[in-house]
Amino acid sequence: MKLVPLGDRVVLKQLEAEEKTKSGIILTSQAQEKPQEAEVIAVGPGTEEVKMEVKNGDKVIYSKYAGTEVKLDGEEYIVVKQSDILAIVE
C-alpha cells in the first residue's frame, strides 16, 4: 500500500530517537524525547495558494504537535500540512 497526500499535505517518516546523551548516558525508551526531525516520503500536489517547497527525500524539522500519526504496513508515518514544516535540514 502507498500513501498519496492530497493538497498541501506531506507524508513524513520520523527519524529514530537518540539512545544516548552527548555525555554518553544511555536513555530508556520512556526517557527518549521524540525527535522533530523527519524524512519526506511523499508530497501532495499543492494548491493554487500553496506552492510545495519540499520534495521526497528532504530531511525536515516540523512543529512538535503537528500532523496525524498513521500506521501502514507496520511502518509509522506522520501526515502534516506543509505549513507545519519549519525548516529543511541541509
PDB file of N, CA and C in Angstrom:
ATOM      1  N   MET A   1       0.836  -1.178   0.000  1.00  0.00           N
ATOM      2  CA  MET A   1       0.000   0.000   0.000  1.00  0.00           C
ATOM      3  C   MET A   1       0.884   1.246   0.000  1.00  0.00           C
ATOM      4  N   LYS A   2       0.353   2.344  -0.513  1.00  0.00           N
ATOM      5  CA  LYS A   2       1.129   3.565  -0.654  1.00  0.00           C
ATOM      6  C   LYS A   2       0.283   4.750  -0.201  1.00  0.00           C
ATOM      7  N   LEU A   3       0.891   5.677   0.536  1.00  0.00           N
ATOM      8  CA  LEU A   3       0.194   6.892   0.955  1.00  0.00           C
ATOM      9  C   LEU A   3       0.424   7.978  -0.088  1.00  0.00           C
ATOM     10  N   VAL A   4      -0.651   8.569  -0.580  1.00  0.00           N
ATOM     11  CA  VAL A   4      -0.568   9.666  -1.537  1.00  0.00           C
ATOM     12  C   VAL A   4      -1.264  10.868  -0.906  1.00  0.00           C
ATOM     13  N   PRO A   5      -0.499  11.868  -0.453  1.00  0.00           N
ATOM     14  CA  PRO A   5      -1.107  13.016   0.210  1.00  0.00           C
ATOM     15  C   PRO A   5      -1.867  13.914  -0.770  1.00  0.00           C
ATOM     16  N   LEU A   6      -2.893  14.557  -0.270  1.00  0.00           N
ATOM     17  CA  LEU A   6      -3.707  15.459  -1.075  1.00  0.00           C
ATOM     18  C   LEU A   6      -3.373  16.904  -0.737  1.00  0.00           C
ATOM     19  N   GLY A   7      -3.619  17.800  -1.676  1.00  0.00           N
ATOM     20  CA  GLY A   7      -3.443  19.232  -1.433  1.00  0.00           C
ATOM     21  C   GLY A   7      -2.040  19.576  -0.978  1.00  0.00           C
ATOM     22  N   ASP A   8      -1.976  20.341   0.128  1.00  0.00           N
ATOM     23  CA  ASP A   8      -0.671  20.800   0.635  1.00  0.00           C
ATOM     24  C   ASP A   8      -0.167  19.928   1.777  1.00  0.00           C
ATOM     25  N   ARG A   9      -0.527  18.636   1.745  1.00  0.00           N
ATOM     26  CA  ARG A   9      -0.100  17.709   2.790  1.00  0.00           C
ATOM     27  C   ARG A   9       1.213  17.027   2.397  1.00  0.00           C
ATOM     28  N   VAL A  10       1.969  16.597   3.431  1.00  0.00           N
ATOM     29  CA  VAL A  10       3.257  15.934   3.249  1.00  0.00           C
ATOM     30  C   VAL A  10       3.305  14.721   4.177  1.00  0.00           C
ATOM     31  N   VAL A  11       3.781  13.584   3.673  1.00  0.00           N
ATOM     32  CA  VAL A  11       3.947  12.375   4.497  1.00  0.00           C
ATOM     33  C   VAL A  11       5.400  12.332   4.960  1.00  0.00           C
ATOM     34  N   LEU A  12       5.588  12.204   6.284  1.00  0.00           N
ATOM     35  CA  LEU A  12       6.911  12.178   6.888  1.00  0.00           C
ATOM     36  C   LEU A  12       7.156  10.848   7.591  1.00  0.00           C
ATOM     37  N   LYS A  13       8.407  10.410   7.616  1.00  0.00           N
ATOM     38  CA  LYS A  13       8.816   9.261   8.425  1.00  0.00           C
ATOM     39  C   LYS A  13       9.785   9.800   9.458  1.00  0.00           C
ATOM     40  N   GLN A  14       9.384   9.688  10.706  1.00  0.00           N
ATOM     41  CA  GLN A  14      10.173  10.243  11.803  1.00  0.00           C
ATOM     42  C   GLN A  14      11.512   9.526  11.931  1.00  0.00           C
ATOM     43  N   LEU A  15      12.562  10.298  12.168  1.00  0.00           N
ATOM     44  CA  LEU A  15      13.891   9.718  12.375  1.00  0.00           C
ATOM     45  C   LEU A  15      13.962   9.113  13.771  1.00  0.00           C
ATOM     46  N   GLU A  16      14.861   8.174  13.969  1.00  0.00           N
ATOM     47  CA  GLU A  16      14.993   7.468  15.242  1.00  0.00           C
ATOM     48  C   GLU A  16      15.418   8.403  16.374  1.00  0.00           C
ATOM     49  N   ALA A  17      14.910   8.130  17.569  1.00  0.00           N
ATOM     50  CA  ALA A  17      15.264   8.911  18.762  1.00  0.00           C
ATOM     51  C   ALA A  17      16.684   8.559  19.195  1.00  0.00           C
ATOM     52  N   GLU A  18      17.352   9.533  19.764  1.00  0.00           N
ATOM     53  CA  GLU A  18      18.704   9.309  20.278  1.00  0.00           C
ATOM     54  C   GLU A  18      18.640   8.367  21.477  1.00  0.00           C
ATOM     55  N   GLU A  19      19.539   7.405  21.525  1.00  0.00           N
ATOM     56  CA  GLU A  19      19.572   6.452  22.628  1.00  0.00           C
ATOM     57  C   GLU A  19      20.595   6.836  23.685  1.00  0.00           C
ATOM     58  N   LYS A  20      21.465   7.786  23.353  1.00  0.00           N
ATOM     59  CA  LYS A  20      22.493   8.244  24.289  1.00  0.00           C
ATOM     60  C   LYS A  20      22.519   9.756  24.305  1.00  0.00           C
ATOM     61  N   THR A  21      22.864  10.307  25.459  1.00  0.00           N
ATOM     62  CA  THR A  21      23.077  11.748  25.535  1.00  0.00           C
ATOM     63  C   THR A  21      24.479  12.046  25.024  1.00  0.00           C
ATOM     64  N   LYS A  22      24.791  13.308  24.821  1.00  0.00           N
ATOM     65  CA  LYS A  22      26.126  13.678  24.345  1.00  0.00           C
ATOM     66  C   LYS A  22      27.211  13.261  25.324  1.00  0.00           C
ATOM     67  N   SER A  23      26.857  13.190  26.616  1.00  0.00           N
ATOM     68  CA  SER A  23      27.843  12.790  27.620  1.00  0.00           C
ATOM     69  C   SER A  23      27.951  11.269  27.766  1.00  0.00           C
ATOM     70  N   GLY A  24      27.149  10.496  26.977  1.00  0.00           N
ATOM     71  CA  GLY A  24      27.279   9.045  26.971  1.00  0.00           C
ATOM     72  C   GLY A  24      26.276   8.309  27.837  1.00  0.00           C
ATOM     73  N   ILE A  25      25.343   9.003  28.464  1.00  0.00           N
ATOM     74  CA  ILE A  25      24.330   8.338  29.294  1.00  0.00           C
ATOM     75  C   ILE A  25      23.306   7.674  28.377  1.00  0.00           C
ATOM     76  N   ILE A  26      23.034   6.392  28.629  1.00  0.00           N
ATOM     77  CA  ILE A  26      22.061   5.656  27.822  1.00  0.00           C
ATOM     78  C   ILE A  26      20.665   5.928  28.372  1.00  0.00           C
ATOM     79  N   LEU A  27      19.747   6.306  27.456  1.00  0.00           N
ATOM     80  CA  LEU A  27      18.379   6.636  27.845  1.00  0.00           C
ATOM     81  C   LEU A  27      17.456   5.439  27.657  1.00  0.00           C
ATOM     82  N   THR A  28      16.502   5.267  28.570  1.00  0.00           N
ATOM     83  CA  THR A  28      15.478   4.243  28.387  1.00  0.00           C
ATOM     84  C   THR A  28      14.507   4.749  27.331  1.00  0.00           C
ATOM     85  N   SER A  29      13.701   3.864  26.770  1.00  0.00           N
ATOM     86  CA  SER A  29      12.774   4.272  25.713  1.00  0.00           C
ATOM     87  C   SER A  29      11.763   5.307  26.218  1.00  0.00           C
ATOM     88  N   GLN A  30      11.416   5.265  27.501  1.00  0.00           N
ATOM     89  CA  GLN A  30      10.471   6.236  28.058  1.00  0.00           C
ATOM     90  C   GLN A  30      11.101   7.611  28.216  1.00  0.00           C
ATOM     91  N   ALA A  31      12.403   7.670  28.433  1.00  0.00           N
ATOM     92  CA  ALA A  31      13.082   8.939  28.641  1.00  0.00           C
ATOM     93  C   ALA A  31      13.489   9.610  27.336  1.00  0.00           C
ATOM     94  N   GLN A  32      13.425   8.857  26.245  1.00  0.00           N
ATOM     95  CA  GLN A  32      13.834   9.417  24.960  1.00  0.00           C
ATOM     96  C   GLN A  32      12.773  10.393  24.463  1.00  0.00           C
ATOM     97  N   GLU A  33      13.233  11.566  24.085  1.00  0.00           N
ATOM     98  CA  GLU A  33      12.318  12.559  23.533  1.00  0.00           C
ATOM     99  C   GLU A  33      12.113  12.259  22.060  1.00  0.00           C
ATOM    100  N   LYS A  34      10.857  12.345  21.610  1.00  0.00           N
ATOM    101  CA  LYS A  34      10.571  12.114  20.207  1.00  0.00           C
ATOM    102  C   LYS A  34      11.226  13.209  19.380  1.00  0.00           C
ATOM    103  N   PRO A  35      12.007  12.842  18.392  1.00  0.00           N
ATOM    104  CA  PRO A  35      12.649  13.877  17.579  1.00  0.00           C
ATOM    105  C   PRO A  35      11.622  14.586  16.706  1.00  0.00           C
ATOM    106  N   GLN A  36      11.908  15.820  16.378  1.00  0.00           N
ATOM    107  CA  GLN A  36      11.039  16.578  15.496  1.00  0.00           C
ATOM    108  C   GLN A  36      11.662  16.657  14.112  1.00  0.00           C
ATOM    109  N   GLU A  37      12.570  15.737  13.844  1.00  0.00           N
ATOM    110  CA  GLU A  37      13.227  15.674  12.550  1.00  0.00           C
ATOM    111  C   GLU A  37      12.703  14.447  11.819  1.00  0.00           C
ATOM    112  N   ALA A  38      12.411  14.617  10.527  1.00  0.00           N
ATOM    113  CA  ALA A  38      11.833  13.523   9.752  1.00  0.00           C
ATOM    114  C   ALA A  38      12.295  13.600   8.308  1.00  0.00           C
ATOM    115  N   GLU A  39      12.060  12.491   7.593  1.00  0.00           N
ATOM    116  CA  GLU A  39      12.359  12.449   6.163  1.00  0.00           C
ATOM    117  C   GLU A  39      11.049  12.532   5.393  1.00  0.00           C
ATOM    118  N   VAL A  40      11.033  13.308   4.327  1.00  0.00           N
ATOM    119  CA  VAL A  40       9.845  13.441   3.484  1.00  0.00           C
ATOM    120  C   VAL A  40       9.717  12.189   2.632  1.00  0.00           C
ATOM    121  N   ILE A  41       8.561  11.521   2.729  1.00  0.00           N
ATOM    122  CA  ILE A  41       8.296  10.295   1.988  1.00  0.00           C
ATOM    123  C   ILE A  41       7.450  10.582   0.745  1.00  0.00           C
ATOM    124  N   ALA A  42       6.463  11.477   0.874  1.00  0.00           N
ATOM    125  CA  ALA A  42       5.587  11.817  -0.254  1.00  0.00           C
ATOM    126  C   ALA A  42       5.093  13.247  -0.088  1.00  0.00           C
ATOM    127  N   VAL A  43       4.874  13.922  -1.209  1.00  0.00           N
ATOM    128  CA  VAL A  43       4.442  15.320  -1.213  1.00  0.00           C
ATOM    129  C   VAL A  43       3.194  15.436  -2.069  1.00  0.00           C
ATOM    130  N   GLY A  44       2.192  16.153  -1.547  1.00  0.00           N
ATOM    131  CA  GLY A  44       0.972  16.403  -2.307  1.00  0.00           C
ATOM    132  C   GLY A  44       1.234  17.375  -3.451  1.00  0.00           C
ATOM    133  N   PRO A  45       0.235  17.564  -4.325  1.00  0.00           N
ATOM    134  CA  PRO A  45       0.408  18.431  -5.488  1.00  0.00           C
ATOM    135  C   PRO A  45       0.390  19.925  -5.170  1.00  0.00           C
ATOM    136  N   GLY A  46       0.000  20.285  -3.956  1.00  0.00           N
ATOM    137  CA  GLY A  46      -0.127  21.699  -3.606  1.00  0.00           C
ATOM    138  C   GLY A  46      -1.509  22.211  -3.978  1.00  0.00           C
ATOM    139  N   THR A  47      -1.719  23.492  -3.792  1.00  0.00           N
ATOM    140  CA  THR A  47      -2.987  24.120  -4.156  1.00  0.00           C
ATOM    141  C   THR A  47      -2.674  25.391  -4.938  1.00  0.00           C
ATOM    142  N   GLU A  48      -3.710  26.075  -5.372  1.00  0.00           N
ATOM    143  CA  GLU A  48      -3.494  27.329  -6.098  1.00  0.00           C
ATOM    144  C   GLU A  48      -2.790  28.353  -5.217  1.00  0.00           C
ATOM    145  N   GLU A  49      -3.070  28.311  -3.910  1.00  0.00           N
ATOM    146  CA  GLU A  49      -2.483  29.270  -2.968  1.00  0.00           C
ATOM    147  C   GLU A  49      -1.134  28.807  -2.410  1.00  0.00           C
ATOM    148  N   VAL A  50      -0.891  27.492  -2.397  1.00  0.00           N
ATOM    149  CA  VAL A  50       0.310  26.946  -1.752  1.00  0.00           C
ATOM    150  C   VAL A  50       1.164  26.199  -2.757  1.00  0.00           C
ATOM    151  N   LYS A  51       2.383  26.701  -2.992  1.00  0.00           N
ATOM    152  CA  LYS A  51       3.365  26.021  -3.838  1.00  0.00           C
ATOM    153  C   LYS A  51       4.184  25.103  -2.929  1.00  0.00           C
ATOM    154  N   MET A  52       4.353  23.870  -3.319  1.00  0.00           N
ATOM    155  CA  MET A  52       5.094  22.927  -2.490  1.00  0.00           C
ATOM    156  C   MET A  52       6.589  23.221  -2.572  1.00  0.00           C
ATOM    157  N   GLU A  53       7.216  23.365  -1.395  1.00  0.00           N
ATOM    158  CA  GLU A  53       8.628  23.734  -1.320  1.00  0.00           C
ATOM    159  C   GLU A  53       9.524  22.583  -0.881  1.00  0.00           C
ATOM    160  N   VAL A  54       8.930  21.457  -0.476  1.00  0.00           N
ATOM    161  CA  VAL A  54       9.723  20.287  -0.080  1.00  0.00           C
ATOM    162  C   VAL A  54       9.572  19.206  -1.141  1.00  0.00           C
ATOM    163  N   LYS A  55      10.516  18.269  -1.150  1.00  0.00           N
ATOM    164  CA  LYS A  55      10.450  17.165  -2.109  1.00  0.00           C
ATOM    165  C   LYS A  55      10.814  15.858  -1.405  1.00  0.00           C
ATOM    166  N   ASN A  56      10.515  14.752  -2.039  1.00  0.00           N
ATOM    167  CA  ASN A  56      10.833  13.436  -1.474  1.00  0.00           C
ATOM    168  C   ASN A  56      12.315  13.362  -1.128  1.00  0.00           C
ATOM    169  N   GLY A  57      12.609  12.794   0.038  1.00  0.00           N
ATOM    170  CA  GLY A  57      13.986  12.617   0.464  1.00  0.00           C
ATOM    171  C   GLY A  57      14.541  13.753   1.308  1.00  0.00           C
ATOM    172  N   ASP A  58      13.870  14.921   1.329  1.00  0.00           N
ATOM    173  CA  ASP A  58      14.327  16.033   2.171  1.00  0.00           C
ATOM    174  C   ASP A  58      14.251  15.651   3.639  1.00  0.00           C
ATOM    175  N   LYS A  59      15.214  16.117   4.432  1.00  0.00           N
ATOM    176  CA  LYS A  59      15.129  15.985   5.887  1.00  0.00           C
ATOM    177  C   LYS A  59      14.606  17.318   6.395  1.00  0.00           C
ATOM    178  N   VAL A  60      13.582  17.254   7.241  1.00  0.00           N
ATOM    179  CA  VAL A  60      12.920  18.475   7.698  1.00  0.00           C
ATOM    180  C   VAL A  60      12.723  18.466   9.201  1.00  0.00           C
ATOM    181  N   ILE A  61      12.471  19.648   9.739  1.00  0.00           N
ATOM    182  CA  ILE A  61      12.085  19.813  11.137  1.00  0.00           C
ATOM    183  C   ILE A  61      10.643  20.313  11.118  1.00  0.00           C
ATOM    184  N   TYR A  62       9.788  19.676  11.926  1.00  0.00           N
ATOM    185  CA  TYR A  62       8.366  20.044  11.919  1.00  0.00           C
ATOM    186  C   TYR A  62       7.907  20.424  13.319  1.00  0.00           C
ATOM    187  N   SER A  63       6.761  21.088  13.404  1.00  0.00           N
ATOM    188  CA  SER A  63       6.195  21.519  14.685  1.00  0.00           C
ATOM    189  C   SER A  63       5.940  20.324  15.590  1.00  0.00           C
ATOM    190  N   LYS A  64       6.129  20.536  16.881  1.00  0.00           N
ATOM    191  CA  LYS A  64       6.072  19.458  17.867  1.00  0.00           C
ATOM    192  C   LYS A  64       4.747  18.695  17.883  1.00  0.00           C
ATOM    193  N   TYR A  65       3.633  19.390  17.831  1.00  0.00           N
ATOM    194  CA  TYR A  65       2.322  18.724  17.935  1.00  0.00           C
ATOM    195  C   TYR A  65       1.593  18.680  16.605  1.00  0.00           C
ATOM    196  N   ALA A  66       2.321  18.745  15.512  1.00  0.00           N
ATOM    197  CA  ALA A  66       1.724  18.806  14.181  1.00  0.00           C
ATOM    198  C   ALA A  66       1.342  17.429  13.667  1.00  0.00           C
ATOM    199  N   GLY A  67       0.365  17.414  12.794  1.00  0.00           N
ATOM    200  CA  GLY A  67       0.055  16.241  11.995  1.00  0.00           C
ATOM    201  C   GLY A  67      -0.753  15.145  12.643  1.00  0.00           C
ATOM    202  N   THR A  68      -0.960  14.123  11.838  1.00  0.00           N
ATOM    203  CA  THR A  68      -1.714  12.943  12.234  1.00  0.00           C
ATOM    204  C   THR A  68      -0.825  11.727  12.044  1.00  0.00           C
ATOM    205  N   GLU A  69      -0.698  10.920  13.094  1.00  0.00           N
ATOM    206  CA  GLU A  69       0.115   9.711  13.003  1.00  0.00           C
ATOM    207  C   GLU A  69      -0.693   8.606  12.334  1.00  0.00           C
ATOM    208  N   VAL A  70      -0.053   7.907  11.395  1.00  0.00           N
ATOM    209  CA  VAL A  70      -0.703   6.842  10.634  1.00  0.00           C
ATOM    210  C   VAL A  70       0.213   5.627  10.641  1.00  0.00           C
ATOM    211  N   LYS A  71      -0.361   4.441  10.846  1.00  0.00           N
ATOM    212  CA  LYS A  71       0.417   3.204  10.784  1.00  0.00           C
ATOM    213  C   LYS A  71      -0.053   2.432   9.561  1.00  0.00           C
ATOM    214  N   LEU A  72       0.906   2.085   8.684  1.00  0.00           N
ATOM    215  CA  LEU A  72       0.575   1.406   7.437  1.00  0.00           C
ATOM    216  C   LEU A  72       1.644   0.370   7.151  1.00  0.00           C
ATOM    217  N   ASP A  73       1.241  -0.870   6.959  1.00  0.00           N
ATOM    218  CA  ASP A  73       2.170  -1.977   6.681  1.00  0.00           C
ATOM    219  C   ASP A  73       3.275  -2.075   7.732  1.00  0.00           C
ATOM    220  N   GLY A  74       2.936  -1.845   9.006  1.00  0.00           N
ATOM    221  CA  GLY A  74       3.901  -1.968  10.090  1.00  0.00           C
ATOM    222  C   GLY A  74       4.823  -0.774  10.246  1.00  0.00           C
ATOM    223  N   GLU A  75       4.692   0.234   9.409  1.00  0.00           N
ATOM    224  CA  GLU A  75       5.517   1.452   9.486  1.00  0.00           C
ATOM    225  C   GLU A  75       4.656   2.599  10.003  1.00  0.00           C
ATOM    226  N   GLU A  76       5.300   3.499  10.757  1.00  0.00           N
ATOM    227  CA  GLU A  76       4.586   4.668  11.264  1.00  0.00           C
ATOM    228  C   GLU A  76       4.966   5.904  10.462  1.00  0.00           C
ATOM    229  N   TYR A  77       3.963   6.675  10.079  1.00  0.00           N
ATOM    230  CA  TYR A  77       4.154   7.902   9.317  1.00  0.00           C
ATOM    231  C   TYR A  77       3.402   9.037   9.995  1.00  0.00           C
ATOM    232  N   ILE A  78       3.755  10.260   9.623  1.00  0.00           N
ATOM    233  CA  ILE A  78       3.053  11.441  10.104  1.00  0.00           C
ATOM    234  C   ILE A  78       2.633  12.233   8.877  1.00  0.00           C
ATOM    235  N   VAL A  79       1.355  12.590   8.799  1.00  0.00           N
ATOM    236  CA  VAL A  79       0.857  13.403   7.693  1.00  0.00           C
ATOM    237  C   VAL A  79       0.660  14.816   8.237  1.00  0.00           C
ATOM    238  N   VAL A  80       1.382  15.784   7.652  1.00  0.00           N
ATOM    239  CA  VAL A  80       1.327  17.172   8.114  1.00  0.00           C
ATOM    240  C   VAL A  80       1.024  18.098   6.939  1.00  0.00           C
ATOM    241  N   LYS A  81       0.558  19.297   7.262  1.00  0.00           N
ATOM    242  CA  LYS A  81       0.437  20.346   6.252  1.00  0.00           C
ATOM    243  C   LYS A  81       1.832  20.917   6.038  1.00  0.00           C
ATOM    244  N   GLN A  82       2.099  21.401   4.839  1.00  0.00           N
ATOM    245  CA  GLN A  82       3.411  21.972   4.574  1.00  0.00           C
ATOM    246  C   GLN A  82       3.714  23.123   5.531  1.00  0.00           C
ATOM    247  N   SER A  83       2.710  23.863   5.958  1.00  0.00           N
ATOM    248  CA  SER A  83       2.925  24.994   6.875  1.00  0.00           C
ATOM    249  C   SER A  83       3.409  24.544   8.248  1.00  0.00           C
ATOM    250  N   ASP A  84       3.266  23.247   8.586  1.00  0.00           N
ATOM    251  CA  ASP A  84       3.766  22.717   9.857  1.00  0.00           C
ATOM    252  C   ASP A  84       5.258  22.374   9.789  1.00  0.00           C
ATOM    253  N   ILE A  85       5.823  22.399   8.584  1.00  0.00           N
ATOM    254  CA  ILE A  85       7.251  22.137   8.413  1.00  0.00           C
ATOM    255  C   ILE A  85       7.995  23.460   8.623  1.00  0.00           C
ATOM    256  N   LEU A  86       8.922  23.448   9.559  1.00  0.00           N
ATOM    257  CA  LEU A  86       9.613  24.678   9.944  1.00  0.00           C
ATOM    258  C   LEU A  86      10.871  24.932   9.134  1.00  0.00           C
ATOM    259  N   ALA A  87      11.604  23.866   8.754  1.00  0.00           N
ATOM    260  CA  ALA A  87      12.871  24.050   8.055  1.00  0.00           C
ATOM    261  C   ALA A  87      13.279  22.781   7.342  1.00  0.00           C
ATOM    262  N   ILE A  88      14.104  22.952   6.313  1.00  0.00           N
ATOM    263  CA  ILE A  88      14.735  21.831   5.628  1.00  0.00           C
ATOM    264  C   ILE A  88      16.163  21.745   6.164  1.00  0.00           C
ATOM    265  N   VAL A  89      16.589  20.550   6.562  1.00  0.00           N
ATOM    266  CA  VAL A  89      17.941  20.348   7.097  1.00  0.00           C
ATOM    267  C   VAL A  89      18.861  19.989   5.925  1.00  0.00           C
ATOM    268  N   GLU A  90      19.905  20.784   5.731  1.00  0.00           N
ATOM    269  CA  GLU A  90      20.852  20.518   4.633  1.00  0.00           C
ATOM    270  C   GLU A  90      22.167  20.000   5.161  1.00  0.00           C
TER     271      GLU A  90
END
